[in-house]
C-alpha atoms as a PDB file:
ATOM      1  CA  MET A   1       1.580   1.861   3.030  1.00  0.00           C
ATOM      2  CA  SER A   2       3.538   1.761  -0.138  1.00  0.00           C
ATOM      3  CA  ALA A   3       6.576  -1.155  -0.727  1.00  0.00           C
ATOM      4  CA  THR A   4       6.270  -2.374   3.453  1.00  0.00           C
ATOM      5  CA  ASP A   5       6.754  -6.212   4.262  1.00  0.00           C
ATOM      6  CA  PHE A   6       4.012  -6.559   6.401  1.00  0.00           C
ATOM      7  CA  ARG A   7       4.768 -11.189   5.793  1.00  0.00           C
ATOM      8  CA  ASP A   8       6.033 -11.121   9.579  1.00  0.00           C
ATOM      9  CA  THR A   9       3.363  -9.413  11.144  1.00  0.00           C
ATOM     10  CA  GLN A  10       1.777 -10.886  13.646  1.00  0.00           C
ATOM     11  CA  ASN A  11      -2.242  -9.850  14.147  1.00  0.00           C
ATOM     12  CA  LEU A  12      -2.582  -8.736  10.910  1.00  0.00           C
ATOM     13  CA  VAL A  13      -5.654  -9.603  10.170  1.00  0.00           C
ATOM     14  CA  ALA A  14      -7.880  -8.489   7.098  1.00  0.00           C
ATOM     15  CA  GLU A  15     -10.915  -6.149   8.922  1.00  0.00           C
ATOM     16  CA  ARG A  16      -7.808  -4.451   9.704  1.00  0.00           C
ATOM     17  CA  LEU A  17      -7.231  -3.774   5.816  1.00  0.00           C
ATOM     18  CA  THR A  18     -11.054  -2.624   4.886  1.00  0.00           C
ATOM     19  CA  ILE A  19     -12.483  -0.683   8.078  1.00  0.00           C
ATOM     20  CA  ASN A  20     -13.667   2.742   7.877  1.00  0.00           C
ATOM     21  CA  ASN A  21     -10.637   4.762   5.847  1.00  0.00           C
ATOM     22  CA  PRO A  22      -8.329   2.143   5.545  1.00  0.00           C
ATOM     23  CA  PRO A  23      -5.106   1.947   4.681  1.00  0.00           C
ATOM     24  CA  LEU A  24      -3.860   2.456   1.454  1.00  0.00           C
ATOM     25  CA  LEU A  25      -1.961  -0.386   0.080  1.00  0.00           C
ATOM     26  CA  CYS A  26       0.504  -0.344  -3.583  1.00  0.00           C
ATOM     27  CA  ASN A  27       3.135  -3.062  -3.627  1.00  0.00           C
ATOM     28  CA  ALA A  28       2.764  -3.622  -0.014  1.00  0.00           C
ATOM     29  CA  ALA A  29       4.154  -7.867   1.273  1.00  0.00           C
ATOM     30  CA  LEU A  30       1.620  -8.935   2.734  1.00  0.00           C
ATOM     31  CA  PRO A  31       0.832 -12.921   4.891  1.00  0.00           C
ATOM     32  CA  SER A  32      -0.897 -15.220   2.750  1.00  0.00           C
ATOM     33  CA  ASP A  33      -3.194 -14.905   4.818  1.00  0.00           C
ATOM     34  CA  ILE A  34      -4.598 -11.346   3.648  1.00  0.00           C
ATOM     35  CA  THR A  35      -4.431 -11.934  -0.067  1.00  0.00           C
ATOM     36  CA  GLU A  36      -7.046 -15.183   0.098  1.00  0.00           C
ATOM     37  CA  ALA A  37      -9.118 -13.049   2.131  1.00  0.00           C
ATOM     38  CA  GLY A  38      -8.899 -11.448  -1.024  1.00  0.00           C
ATOM     39  CA  ILE A  39      -7.336  -8.098  -0.490  1.00  0.00           C
ATOM     40  CA  SER A  40      -5.000  -6.601  -2.971  1.00  0.00           C
ATOM     41  CA  PRO A  41      -1.508  -5.558  -1.604  1.00  0.00           C
ATOM     42  CA  ASN A  42      -1.870  -3.193  -4.775  1.00  0.00           C
ATOM     43  CA  ARG A  43      -5.389  -2.079  -4.521  1.00  0.00           C
ATOM     44  CA  ASP A  44      -4.205   1.673  -4.094  1.00  0.00           C
ATOM     45  CA  CYS A  45      -1.839   2.309  -6.103  1.00  0.00           C
ATOM     46  CA  ASP A  46      -3.923   4.477  -8.734  1.00  0.00           C
ATOM     47  CA  ARG A  47      -4.102   6.793  -5.752  1.00  0.00           C
ATOM     48  CA  ILE A  48      -1.466   7.101  -3.359  1.00  0.00           C
ATOM     49  CA  ALA A  49       0.404   9.487  -5.170  1.00  0.00           C
ATOM     50  CA  GLN A  50      -2.570  11.788  -5.199  1.00  0.00           C
ATOM     51  CA  SER A  51      -3.373  11.452  -0.932  1.00  0.00           C
ATOM     52  CA  LEU A  52       0.815  12.203  -0.347  1.00  0.00           C
ATOM     53  CA  SER A  53       0.005  15.421  -2.567  1.00  0.00           C
ATOM     54  CA  ASN A  54      -2.717  16.721  -0.939  1.00  0.00           C
ATOM     55  CA  ARG A  55      -1.570  15.328   2.542  1.00  0.00           C
ATOM     56  CA  TYR A  56       2.490  16.961   1.821  1.00  0.00           C
ATOM     57  CA  GLU A  57       1.827  19.475  -1.024  1.00  0.00           C
ATOM     58  CA  TYR A  58       3.640  17.357  -2.685  1.00  0.00           C
ATOM     59  CA  SER A  59       4.404  18.033  -6.800  1.00  0.00           C
ATOM     60  CA  SER A  60       2.403  15.529  -8.960  1.00  0.00           C
ATOM     61  CA  GLU A  61       5.845  14.088 -10.365  1.00  0.00           C
ATOM     62  CA  PHE A  62       6.740  13.960  -7.237  1.00  0.00           C
ATOM     63  CA  ALA A  63       4.200  11.813  -5.314  1.00  0.00           C
ATOM     64  CA  ASN A  64       4.345  10.427  -9.080  1.00  0.00           C
ATOM     65  CA  GLN A  65       7.010   8.843  -8.559  1.00  0.00           C
ATOM     66  CA  ILE A  66       7.402   7.783  -5.416  1.00  0.00           C
ATOM     67  CA  VAL A  67       4.511   5.617  -6.312  1.00  0.00           C
ATOM     68  CA  GLU A  68       6.646   4.595  -9.264  1.00  0.00           C
ATOM     69  CA  ASP A  69       9.735   3.394  -6.846  1.00  0.00           C
ATOM     70  CA  ALA A  70       7.288   1.741  -4.433  1.00  0.00           C
ATOM     71  CA  ARG A  71       6.342  -0.199  -7.703  1.00  0.00           C
ATOM     72  CA  GLN A  72       9.887  -1.536  -8.501  1.00  0.00           C
ATOM     73  CA  ARG A  73       9.996  -2.666  -4.647  1.00  0.00           C
ATOM     74  CA  GLU A  74      11.197  -7.329  -5.056  1.00  0.00           C
ATOM     75  CA  TRP A  75       9.952  -8.894  -2.354  1.00  0.00           C
ATOM     76  CA  ASP A  76      11.696 -12.400  -1.936  1.00  0.00           C
END
């Protein structure tokens, strides 16, 4: 989940982001209670490009560009 706004998501609890095989996060706008629980909205930025390359057979350059674009997203 990169460059995704979850701030108004209802019923999102920290446990859903820390279970076995949790979703990858990169520049995700998380509700404050989630970040206060210690979950970083950027915890997986360094893993997403490789995951995209493996799952979708993207070139490493293209996958890295997707991550870089996600990191550039700004939240109000």
